[in-house]
PDB file of all heavy atoms in Angstrom:
ATOM      1  N   PRO A   1      -1.802  -6.115  13.929  1.00  0.00           N
ATOM      2  CA  PRO A   1      -1.807  -4.696  14.321  1.00  0.00           C
ATOM      3  C   PRO A   1      -0.506  -4.005  13.925  1.00  0.00           C
ATOM      4  O   PRO A   1       0.575  -4.582  14.062  1.00  0.00           O
ATOM      5  CB  PRO A   1      -1.938  -4.734  15.844  1.00  0.00           C
ATOM      6  CG  PRO A   1      -2.307  -6.131  16.204  1.00  0.00           C
ATOM      7  CD  PRO A   1      -1.924  -7.014  15.064  1.00  0.00           C
ATOM      8  N   ASP A   2      -0.637  -2.793  13.426  1.00  0.00           N
ATOM      9  CA  ASP A   2       0.547  -1.996  13.097  1.00  0.00           C
ATOM     10  C   ASP A   2       1.166  -1.515  14.399  1.00  0.00           C
ATOM     11  O   ASP A   2       0.471  -1.243  15.383  1.00  0.00           O
ATOM     12  CB  ASP A   2       0.170  -0.779  12.253  1.00  0.00           C
ATOM     13  CG  ASP A   2      -0.364  -1.154  10.885  1.00  0.00           C
ATOM     14  OD1 ASP A   2      -0.029  -2.253  10.393  1.00  0.00           O
ATOM     15  OD2 ASP A   2      -1.108  -0.351  10.302  1.00  0.00           O
ATOM     16  N   THR A   3       2.487  -1.373  14.381  1.00  0.00           N
ATOM     17  CA  THR A   3       3.206  -0.781  15.499  1.00  0.00           C
ATOM     18  C   THR A   3       4.114   0.317  14.916  1.00  0.00           C
ATOM     19  O   THR A   3       4.109   0.544  13.707  1.00  0.00           O
ATOM     20  CB  THR A   3       4.061  -1.812  16.263  1.00  0.00           C
ATOM     21  OG1 THR A   3       5.167  -2.218  15.425  1.00  0.00           O
ATOM     22  CG2 THR A   3       3.237  -3.031  16.668  1.00  0.00           C
ATOM     23  N   ASP A   4       4.904   0.933  15.760  1.00  0.00           N
ATOM     24  CA  ASP A   4       5.858   1.933  15.284  1.00  0.00           C
ATOM     25  C   ASP A   4       6.943   1.321  14.416  1.00  0.00           C
ATOM     26  O   ASP A   4       7.632   2.031  13.693  1.00  0.00           O
ATOM     27  CB  ASP A   4       6.528   2.651  16.461  1.00  0.00           C
ATOM     28  CG  ASP A   4       5.601   3.635  17.136  1.00  0.00           C
ATOM     29  OD1 ASP A   4       4.551   3.988  16.556  1.00  0.00           O
ATOM     30  OD2 ASP A   4       5.931   4.064  18.265  1.00  0.00           O
ATOM     31  N   VAL A   5       7.104  -0.007  14.483  1.00  0.00           N
ATOM     32  CA  VAL A   5       8.202  -0.648  13.759  1.00  0.00           C
ATOM     33  C   VAL A   5       7.772  -1.834  12.892  1.00  0.00           C
ATOM     34  O   VAL A   5       8.611  -2.451  12.240  1.00  0.00           O
ATOM     35  CB  VAL A   5       9.316  -1.102  14.730  1.00  0.00           C
ATOM     36  CG1 VAL A   5       9.963   0.111  15.399  1.00  0.00           C
ATOM     37  CG2 VAL A   5       8.801  -2.068  15.768  1.00  0.00           C
ATOM     38  N   THR A   6       6.485  -2.172  12.848  1.00  0.00           N
ATOM     39  CA  THR A   6       6.013  -3.278  12.008  1.00  0.00           C
ATOM     40  C   THR A   6       4.734  -2.899  11.268  1.00  0.00           C
ATOM     41  O   THR A   6       3.894  -2.165  11.781  1.00  0.00           O
ATOM     42  CB  THR A   6       5.740  -4.556  12.832  1.00  0.00           C
ATOM     43  OG1 THR A   6       4.704  -4.278  13.782  1.00  0.00           O
ATOM     44  CG2 THR A   6       6.994  -5.062  13.517  1.00  0.00           C
ATOM     45  N   PHE A   7       4.618  -3.422  10.055  1.00  0.00           N
ATOM     46  CA  PHE A   7       3.482  -3.141   9.179  1.00  0.00           C
ATOM     47  C   PHE A   7       3.301  -4.363   8.294  1.00  0.00           C
ATOM     48  O   PHE A   7       4.273  -4.878   7.726  1.00  0.00           O
ATOM     49  CB  PHE A   7       3.814  -1.902   8.320  1.00  0.00           C
ATOM     50  CG  PHE A   7       2.815  -1.570   7.261  1.00  0.00           C
ATOM     51  CD1 PHE A   7       1.726  -0.766   7.552  1.00  0.00           C
ATOM     52  CD2 PHE A   7       2.976  -2.020   5.958  1.00  0.00           C
ATOM     53  CE1 PHE A   7       0.804  -0.418   6.564  1.00  0.00           C
ATOM     54  CE2 PHE A   7       2.067  -1.689   4.964  1.00  0.00           C
ATOM     55  CZ  PHE A   7       0.981  -0.888   5.265  1.00  0.00           C
ATOM     56  N   ALA A   8       2.099  -4.857   8.164  1.00  0.00           N
ATOM     57  CA  ALA A   8       1.823  -6.027   7.313  1.00  0.00           C
ATOM     58  C   ALA A   8       0.491  -5.841   6.605  1.00  0.00           C
ATOM     59  O   ALA A   8      -0.491  -5.399   7.224  1.00  0.00           O
ATOM     60  CB  ALA A   8       1.811  -7.288   8.138  1.00  0.00           C
ATOM     61  N   ARG A   9       0.467  -6.165   5.321  1.00  0.00           N
ATOM     62  CA  ARG A   9      -0.750  -6.056   4.534  1.00  0.00           C
ATOM     63  C   ARG A   9      -0.773  -7.146   3.459  1.00  0.00           C
ATOM     64  O   ARG A   9       0.251  -7.693   3.093  1.00  0.00           O
ATOM     65  CB  ARG A   9      -0.859  -4.706   3.818  1.00  0.00           C
ATOM     66  CG  ARG A   9      -1.043  -3.496   4.700  1.00  0.00           C
ATOM     67  CD  ARG A   9      -2.405  -3.494   5.394  1.00  0.00           C
ATOM     68  NE  ARG A   9      -2.655  -2.275   6.111  1.00  0.00           N
ATOM     69  CZ  ARG A   9      -2.165  -1.980   7.319  1.00  0.00           C
ATOM     70  NH1 ARG A   9      -1.383  -2.831   7.952  1.00  0.00           N
ATOM     71  NH2 ARG A   9      -2.467  -0.832   7.909  1.00  0.00           N
ATOM     72  N   VAL A  10      -1.974  -7.340   2.941  1.00  0.00           N
ATOM     73  CA  VAL A  10      -2.161  -8.171   1.765  1.00  0.00           C
ATOM     74  C   VAL A  10      -2.350  -7.226   0.591  1.00  0.00           C
ATOM     75  O   VAL A  10      -3.165  -6.304   0.654  1.00  0.00           O
ATOM     76  CB  VAL A  10      -3.392  -9.098   1.911  1.00  0.00           C
ATOM     77  CG1 VAL A  10      -3.643  -9.870   0.638  1.00  0.00           C
ATOM     78  CG2 VAL A  10      -3.206 -10.031   3.100  1.00  0.00           C
ATOM     79  N   ALA A  11      -1.589  -7.460  -0.471  1.00  0.00           N
ATOM     80  CA  ALA A  11      -1.692  -6.616  -1.667  1.00  0.00           C
ATOM     81  C   ALA A  11      -2.322  -7.421  -2.797  1.00  0.00           C
ATOM     82  O   ALA A  11      -1.945  -8.568  -3.041  1.00  0.00           O
ATOM     83  CB  ALA A  11      -0.318  -6.118  -2.086  1.00  0.00           C
ATOM     84  N   ALA A  12      -3.280  -6.803  -3.461  1.00  0.00           N
ATOM     85  CA  ALA A  12      -3.827  -7.366  -4.694  1.00  0.00           C
ATOM     86  C   ALA A  12      -3.003  -6.773  -5.836  1.00  0.00           C
ATOM     87  O   ALA A  12      -2.975  -5.553  -6.014  1.00  0.00           O
ATOM     88  CB  ALA A  12      -5.294  -6.993  -4.832  1.00  0.00           C
ATOM     89  N   VAL A  13      -2.317  -7.635  -6.563  1.00  0.00           N
ATOM     90  CA  VAL A  13      -1.397  -7.183  -7.611  1.00  0.00           C
ATOM     91  C   VAL A  13      -1.918  -7.666  -8.968  1.00  0.00           C
ATOM     92  O   VAL A  13      -2.257  -8.836  -9.123  1.00  0.00           O
ATOM     93  CB  VAL A  13       0.025  -7.716  -7.369  1.00  0.00           C
ATOM     94  CG1 VAL A  13       0.983  -7.207  -8.445  1.00  0.00           C
ATOM     95  CG2 VAL A  13       0.518  -7.307  -5.991  1.00  0.00           C
ATOM     96  N   THR A  14      -1.957  -6.752  -9.910  1.00  0.00           N
ATOM     97  CA  THR A  14      -2.346  -7.085 -11.281  1.00  0.00           C
ATOM     98  C   THR A  14      -1.141  -6.860 -12.179  1.00  0.00           C
ATOM     99  O   THR A  14      -0.574  -5.764 -12.206  1.00  0.00           O
ATOM    100  CB  THR A  14      -3.509  -6.195 -11.755  1.00  0.00           C
ATOM    101  OG1 THR A  14      -4.613  -6.351 -10.866  1.00  0.00           O
ATOM    102  CG2 THR A  14      -3.929  -6.572 -13.175  1.00  0.00           C
ATOM    103  N   LEU A  15      -0.749  -7.923 -12.889  1.00  0.00           N
ATOM    104  CA  LEU A  15       0.307  -7.820 -13.882  1.00  0.00           C
ATOM    105  C   LEU A  15      -0.377  -7.704 -15.245  1.00  0.00           C
ATOM    106  O   LEU A  15      -1.120  -8.613 -15.647  1.00  0.00           O
ATOM    107  CB  LEU A  15       1.204  -9.061 -13.869  1.00  0.00           C
ATOM    108  CG  LEU A  15       1.809  -9.469 -12.534  1.00  0.00           C
ATOM    109  CD1 LEU A  15       2.712 -10.685 -12.699  1.00  0.00           C
ATOM    110  CD2 LEU A  15       2.578  -8.327 -11.917  1.00  0.00           C
ATOM    111  N   GLN A  16      -0.162  -6.585 -15.923  1.00  0.00           N
ATOM    112  CA  GLN A  16      -0.837  -6.346 -17.196  1.00  0.00           C
ATOM    113  C   GLN A  16       0.197  -6.255 -18.321  1.00  0.00           C
ATOM    114  O   GLN A  16       0.886  -5.246 -18.452  1.00  0.00           O
ATOM    115  CB  GLN A  16      -1.661  -5.066 -17.132  1.00  0.00           C
ATOM    116  CG  GLN A  16      -2.427  -4.800 -18.414  1.00  0.00           C
ATOM    117  CD  GLN A  16      -3.404  -5.930 -18.737  1.00  0.00           C
ATOM    118  OE1 GLN A  16      -4.294  -6.204 -17.955  1.00  0.00           O
ATOM    119  NE2 GLN A  16      -3.223  -6.573 -19.878  1.00  0.00           N
ATOM    120  N   PRO A  17       0.307  -7.322 -19.125  1.00  0.00           N
ATOM    121  CA  PRO A  17       1.174  -7.238 -20.306  1.00  0.00           C
ATOM    122  C   PRO A  17       0.626  -6.208 -21.276  1.00  0.00           C
ATOM    123  O   PRO A  17      -0.593  -6.029 -21.382  1.00  0.00           O
ATOM    124  CB  PRO A  17       1.093  -8.648 -20.908  1.00  0.00           C
ATOM    125  CG  PRO A  17       0.593  -9.525 -19.794  1.00  0.00           C
ATOM    126  CD  PRO A  17      -0.283  -8.645 -18.955  1.00  0.00           C
ATOM    127  N   ASP A  18       1.519  -5.511 -21.991  1.00  0.00           N
ATOM    128  CA  ASP A  18       1.043  -4.464 -22.903  1.00  0.00           C
ATOM    129  C   ASP A  18       0.689  -5.009 -24.285  1.00  0.00           C
ATOM    130  O   ASP A  18       0.595  -4.268 -25.244  1.00  0.00           O
ATOM    131  CB  ASP A  18       2.034  -3.300 -22.967  1.00  0.00           C
ATOM    132  CG  ASP A  18       3.377  -3.667 -23.571  1.00  0.00           C
ATOM    133  OD1 ASP A  18       3.564  -4.834 -23.996  1.00  0.00           O
ATOM    134  OD2 ASP A  18       4.243  -2.781 -23.632  1.00  0.00           O
ATOM    135  N   ASN A  19       0.465  -6.312 -24.367  1.00  0.00           N
ATOM    136  CA  ASN A  19      -0.091  -6.882 -25.595  1.00  0.00           C
ATOM    137  C   ASN A  19      -1.485  -7.404 -25.251  1.00  0.00           C
ATOM    138  O   ASN A  19      -2.119  -6.924 -24.324  1.00  0.00           O
ATOM    139  CB  ASN A  19       0.824  -7.980 -26.148  1.00  0.00           C
ATOM    140  CG  ASN A  19       0.939  -9.180 -25.215  1.00  0.00           C
ATOM    141  OD1 ASN A  19       0.398  -9.193 -24.123  1.00  0.00           O
ATOM    142  ND2 ASN A  19       1.638 -10.197 -25.674  1.00  0.00           N
ATOM    143  N   ARG A  20      -1.957  -8.372 -25.966  1.00  0.00           N
ATOM    144  CA  ARG A  20      -3.311  -8.885 -25.728  1.00  0.00           C
ATOM    145  C   ARG A  20      -3.353 -10.024 -24.718  1.00  0.00           C
ATOM    146  O   ARG A  20      -4.401 -10.646 -24.515  1.00  0.00           O
ATOM    147  CB  ARG A  20      -3.952  -9.306 -27.035  1.00  0.00           C
ATOM    148  CG  ARG A  20      -4.177  -8.113 -27.938  1.00  0.00           C
ATOM    149  CD  ARG A  20      -4.784  -8.570 -29.240  1.00  0.00           C
ATOM    150  NE  ARG A  20      -4.830  -7.452 -30.151  1.00  0.00           N
ATOM    151  CZ  ARG A  20      -5.933  -6.949 -30.651  1.00  0.00           C
ATOM    152  NH1 ARG A  20      -7.090  -7.462 -30.353  1.00  0.00           N
ATOM    153  NH2 ARG A  20      -5.886  -5.933 -31.478  1.00  0.00           N
ATOM    154  N   ASP A  21      -2.257 -10.339 -24.093  1.00  0.00           N
ATOM    155  CA  ASP A  21      -2.264 -11.405 -23.084  1.00  0.00           C
ATOM    156  C   ASP A  21      -3.149 -10.989 -21.918  1.00  0.00           C
ATOM    157  O   ASP A  21      -3.240  -9.804 -21.580  1.00  0.00           O
ATOM    158  CB  ASP A  21      -0.840 -11.663 -22.550  1.00  0.00           C
ATOM    159  CG  ASP A  21       0.023 -12.430 -23.537  1.00  0.00           C
ATOM    160  OD1 ASP A  21      -0.465 -12.795 -24.627  1.00  0.00           O
ATOM    161  OD2 ASP A  21       1.209 -12.650 -23.218  1.00  0.00           O
ATOM    162  N   PRO A  22      -3.794 -11.965 -21.286  1.00  0.00           N
ATOM    163  CA  PRO A  22      -4.660 -11.626 -20.153  1.00  0.00           C
ATOM    164  C   PRO A  22      -3.841 -11.172 -18.940  1.00  0.00           C
ATOM    165  O   PRO A  22      -2.658 -11.508 -18.803  1.00  0.00           O
ATOM    166  CB  PRO A  22      -5.391 -12.937 -19.859  1.00  0.00           C
ATOM    167  CG  PRO A  22      -4.537 -14.006 -20.444  1.00  0.00           C
ATOM    168  CD  PRO A  22      -3.802 -13.399 -21.600  1.00  0.00           C
ATOM    169  N   SER A  23      -4.492 -10.415 -18.091  1.00  0.00           N
ATOM    170  CA  SER A  23      -3.864  -9.981 -16.836  1.00  0.00           C
ATOM    171  C   SER A  23      -3.585 -11.185 -15.967  1.00  0.00           C
ATOM    172  O   SER A  23      -4.270 -12.202 -16.026  1.00  0.00           O
ATOM    173  CB  SER A  23      -4.786  -9.030 -16.074  1.00  0.00           C
ATOM    174  OG  SER A  23      -5.028  -7.880 -16.821  1.00  0.00           O
ATOM    175  N   ILE A  24      -2.582 -11.041 -15.126  1.00  0.00           N
ATOM    176  CA  ILE A  24      -2.244 -12.065 -14.142  1.00  0.00           C
ATOM    177  C   ILE A  24      -2.517 -11.443 -12.782  1.00  0.00           C
ATOM    178  O   ILE A  24      -2.000 -10.355 -12.477  1.00  0.00           O
ATOM    179  CB  ILE A  24      -0.770 -12.495 -14.270  1.00  0.00           C
ATOM    180  CG1 ILE A  24      -0.527 -13.066 -15.669  1.00  0.00           C
ATOM    181  CG2 ILE A  24      -0.408 -13.492 -13.173  1.00  0.00           C
ATOM    182  CD1 ILE A  24       0.947 -13.246 -16.000  1.00  0.00           C
ATOM    183  N   LEU A  25      -3.321 -12.100 -11.981  1.00  0.00           N
ATOM    184  CA  LEU A  25      -3.672 -11.585 -10.656  1.00  0.00           C
ATOM    185  C   LEU A  25      -2.890 -12.340  -9.595  1.00  0.00           C
ATOM    186  O   LEU A  25      -2.838 -13.576  -9.616  1.00  0.00           O
ATOM    187  CB  LEU A  25      -5.174 -11.712 -10.414  1.00  0.00           C
ATOM    188  CG  LEU A  25      -6.059 -11.062 -11.473  1.00  0.00           C
ATOM    189  CD1 LEU A  25      -7.536 -11.328 -11.156  1.00  0.00           C
ATOM    190  CD2 LEU A  25      -5.797  -9.571 -11.553  1.00  0.00           C
ATOM    191  N   LEU A  26      -2.309 -11.596  -8.668  1.00  0.00           N
ATOM    192  CA  LEU A  26      -1.532 -12.181  -7.576  1.00  0.00           C
ATOM    193  C   LEU A  26      -2.018 -11.622  -6.237  1.00  0.00           C
ATOM    194  O   LEU A  26      -2.441 -10.478  -6.150  1.00  0.00           O
ATOM    195  CB  LEU A  26      -0.046 -11.826  -7.714  1.00  0.00           C
ATOM    196  CG  LEU A  26       0.670 -12.208  -9.002  1.00  0.00           C
ATOM    197  CD1 LEU A  26       2.084 -11.624  -8.988  1.00  0.00           C
ATOM    198  CD2 LEU A  26       0.725 -13.709  -9.162  1.00  0.00           C
ATOM    199  N   THR A  27      -1.906 -12.442  -5.233  1.00  0.00           N
ATOM    200  CA  THR A  27      -2.114 -11.996  -3.855  1.00  0.00           C
ATOM    201  C   THR A  27      -0.746 -12.043  -3.193  1.00  0.00           C
ATOM    202  O   THR A  27      -0.103 -13.095  -3.161  1.00  0.00           O
ATOM    203  CB  THR A  27      -3.103 -12.908  -3.113  1.00  0.00           C
ATOM    204  OG1 THR A  27      -4.342 -12.881  -3.823  1.00  0.00           O
ATOM    205  CG2 THR A  27      -3.296 -12.456  -1.681  1.00  0.00           C
ATOM    206  N   VAL A  28      -0.302 -10.916  -2.685  1.00  0.00           N
ATOM    207  CA  VAL A  28       1.040 -10.807  -2.128  1.00  0.00           C
ATOM    208  C   VAL A  28       0.952 -10.328  -0.680  1.00  0.00           C
ATOM    209  O   VAL A  28       0.340  -9.304  -0.405  1.00  0.00           O
ATOM    210  CB  VAL A  28       1.919  -9.831  -2.946  1.00  0.00           C
ATOM    211  CG1 VAL A  28       3.312  -9.719  -2.336  1.00  0.00           C
ATOM    212  CG2 VAL A  28       1.992 -10.263  -4.397  1.00  0.00           C
ATOM    213  N   PHE A  29       1.553 -11.094   0.203  1.00  0.00           N
ATOM    214  CA  PHE A  29       1.688 -10.660   1.591  1.00  0.00           C
ATOM    215  C   PHE A  29       2.971  -9.848   1.676  1.00  0.00           C
ATOM    216  O   PHE A  29       4.036 -10.315   1.266  1.00  0.00           O
ATOM    217  CB  PHE A  29       1.749 -11.862   2.544  1.00  0.00           C
ATOM    218  CG  PHE A  29       0.450 -12.615   2.610  1.00  0.00           C
ATOM    219  CD1 PHE A  29       0.230 -13.722   1.807  1.00  0.00           C
ATOM    220  CD2 PHE A  29      -0.564 -12.204   3.469  1.00  0.00           C
ATOM    221  CE1 PHE A  29      -0.973 -14.407   1.852  1.00  0.00           C
ATOM    222  CE2 PHE A  29      -1.770 -12.880   3.516  1.00  0.00           C
ATOM    223  CZ  PHE A  29      -1.977 -13.972   2.714  1.00  0.00           C
ATOM    224  N   VAL A  30       2.862  -8.644   2.176  1.00  0.00           N
ATOM    225  CA  VAL A  30       4.026  -7.748   2.275  1.00  0.00           C
ATOM    226  C   VAL A  30       4.158  -7.252   3.707  1.00  0.00           C
ATOM    227  O   VAL A  30       3.189  -6.874   4.338  1.00  0.00           O
ATOM    228  CB  VAL A  30       3.922  -6.584   1.252  1.00  0.00           C
ATOM    229  CG1 VAL A  30       2.679  -5.757   1.465  1.00  0.00           C
ATOM    230  CG2 VAL A  30       5.148  -5.697   1.291  1.00  0.00           C
ATOM    231  N   ARG A  31       5.385  -7.305   4.199  1.00  0.00           N
ATOM    232  CA  ARG A  31       5.687  -6.779   5.523  1.00  0.00           C
ATOM    233  C   ARG A  31       6.786  -5.732   5.393  1.00  0.00           C
ATOM    234  O   ARG A  31       7.705  -5.880   4.602  1.00  0.00           O
ATOM    235  CB  ARG A  31       6.148  -7.897   6.457  1.00  0.00           C
ATOM    236  CG  ARG A  31       5.017  -8.769   6.938  1.00  0.00           C
ATOM    237  CD  ARG A  31       5.450  -9.712   8.069  1.00  0.00           C
ATOM    238  NE  ARG A  31       6.524 -10.613   7.720  1.00  0.00           N
ATOM    239  CZ  ARG A  31       6.369 -11.800   7.148  1.00  0.00           C
ATOM    240  NH1 ARG A  31       5.170 -12.219   6.822  1.00  0.00           N
ATOM    241  NH2 ARG A  31       7.403 -12.564   6.883  1.00  0.00           N
ATOM    242  N   ALA A  32       6.659  -4.687   6.212  1.00  0.00           N
ATOM    243  CA  ALA A  32       7.684  -3.646   6.265  1.00  0.00           C
ATOM    244  C   ALA A  32       8.056  -3.453   7.729  1.00  0.00           C
ATOM    245  O   ALA A  32       7.220  -3.597   8.623  1.00  0.00           O
ATOM    246  CB  ALA A  32       7.176  -2.342   5.662  1.00  0.00           C
ATOM    247  N   THR A  33       9.316  -3.139   7.947  1.00  0.00           N
ATOM    248  CA  THR A  33       9.815  -2.945   9.306  1.00  0.00           C
ATOM    249  C   THR A  33      10.807  -1.778   9.320  1.00  0.00           C
ATOM    250  O   THR A  33      11.245  -1.306   8.272  1.00  0.00           O
ATOM    251  CB  THR A  33      10.543  -4.212   9.831  1.00  0.00           C
ATOM    252  OG1 THR A  33      11.621  -4.540   8.942  1.00  0.00           O
ATOM    253  CG2 THR A  33       9.596  -5.384   9.946  1.00  0.00           C
ATOM    254  N   ARG A  34      11.125  -1.370  10.520  1.00  0.00           N
ATOM    255  CA  ARG A  34      12.194  -0.397  10.755  1.00  0.00           C
ATOM    256  C   ARG A  34      12.649  -0.571  12.189  1.00  0.00           C
ATOM    257  O   ARG A  34      11.886  -1.002  13.044  1.00  0.00           O
ATOM    258  CB  ARG A  34      11.731   1.028  10.463  1.00  0.00           C
ATOM    259  CG  ARG A  34      10.552   1.497  11.291  1.00  0.00           C
ATOM    260  CD  ARG A  34      10.098   2.846  10.824  1.00  0.00           C
ATOM    261  NE  ARG A  34       8.945   3.336  11.586  1.00  0.00           N
ATOM    262  CZ  ARG A  34       8.451   4.539  11.455  1.00  0.00           C
ATOM    263  NH1 ARG A  34       9.009   5.404  10.629  1.00  0.00           N
ATOM    264  NH2 ARG A  34       7.406   4.925  12.165  1.00  0.00           N
ATOM    265  N   PRO A  35      13.905  -0.237  12.472  1.00  0.00           N
ATOM    266  CA  PRO A  35      14.416  -0.443  13.836  1.00  0.00           C
ATOM    267  C   PRO A  35      13.757   0.467  14.874  1.00  0.00           C
ATOM    268  O   PRO A  35      13.593   0.086  16.020  1.00  0.00           O
ATOM    269  CB  PRO A  35      15.905  -0.170  13.738  1.00  0.00           C
ATOM    270  CG  PRO A  35      16.187   0.244  12.347  1.00  0.00           C
ATOM    271  CD  PRO A  35      14.935   0.184  11.546  1.00  0.00           C
ATOM    272  N   ASP A  36      13.407   1.692  14.472  1.00  0.00           N
ATOM    273  CA  ASP A  36      12.713   2.627  15.350  1.00  0.00           C
ATOM    274  C   ASP A  36      12.046   3.694  14.491  1.00  0.00           C
ATOM    275  O   ASP A  36      12.265   3.743  13.283  1.00  0.00           O
ATOM    276  CB  ASP A  36      13.650   3.239  16.403  1.00  0.00           C
ATOM    277  CG  ASP A  36      14.767   4.064  15.798  1.00  0.00           C
ATOM    278  OD1 ASP A  36      14.465   5.104  15.156  1.00  0.00           O
ATOM    279  OD2 ASP A  36      15.949   3.697  15.945  1.00  0.00           O
ATOM    280  N   SER A  37      11.252   4.546  15.106  1.00  0.00           N
ATOM    281  CA  SER A  37      10.439   5.489  14.344  1.00  0.00           C
ATOM    282  C   SER A  37      11.217   6.632  13.714  1.00  0.00           C
ATOM    283  O   SER A  37      10.649   7.424  12.967  1.00  0.00           O
ATOM    284  CB  SER A  37       9.318   6.046  15.225  1.00  0.00           C
ATOM    285  OG  SER A  37       9.858   6.726  16.323  1.00  0.00           O
ATOM    286  N   SER A  38      12.517   6.711  13.952  1.00  0.00           N
ATOM    287  CA  SER A  38      13.308   7.768  13.325  1.00  0.00           C
ATOM    288  C   SER A  38      13.878   7.328  11.975  1.00  0.00           C
ATOM    289  O   SER A  38      14.486   8.116  11.279  1.00  0.00           O
ATOM    290  CB  SER A  38      14.444   8.204  14.251  1.00  0.00           C
ATOM    291  OG  SER A  38      15.411   7.172  14.347  1.00  0.00           O
TER     292      SER A  38
END
């Protein structure tokens, strides 16, 4: 659950080289925080 000071999600990340190499798919867990809502 999100709170005023914590946030967590799963991100689907695609790395796309600008040549003919195939994309690389990643699953990234990301958390964000802050000491208070200000």
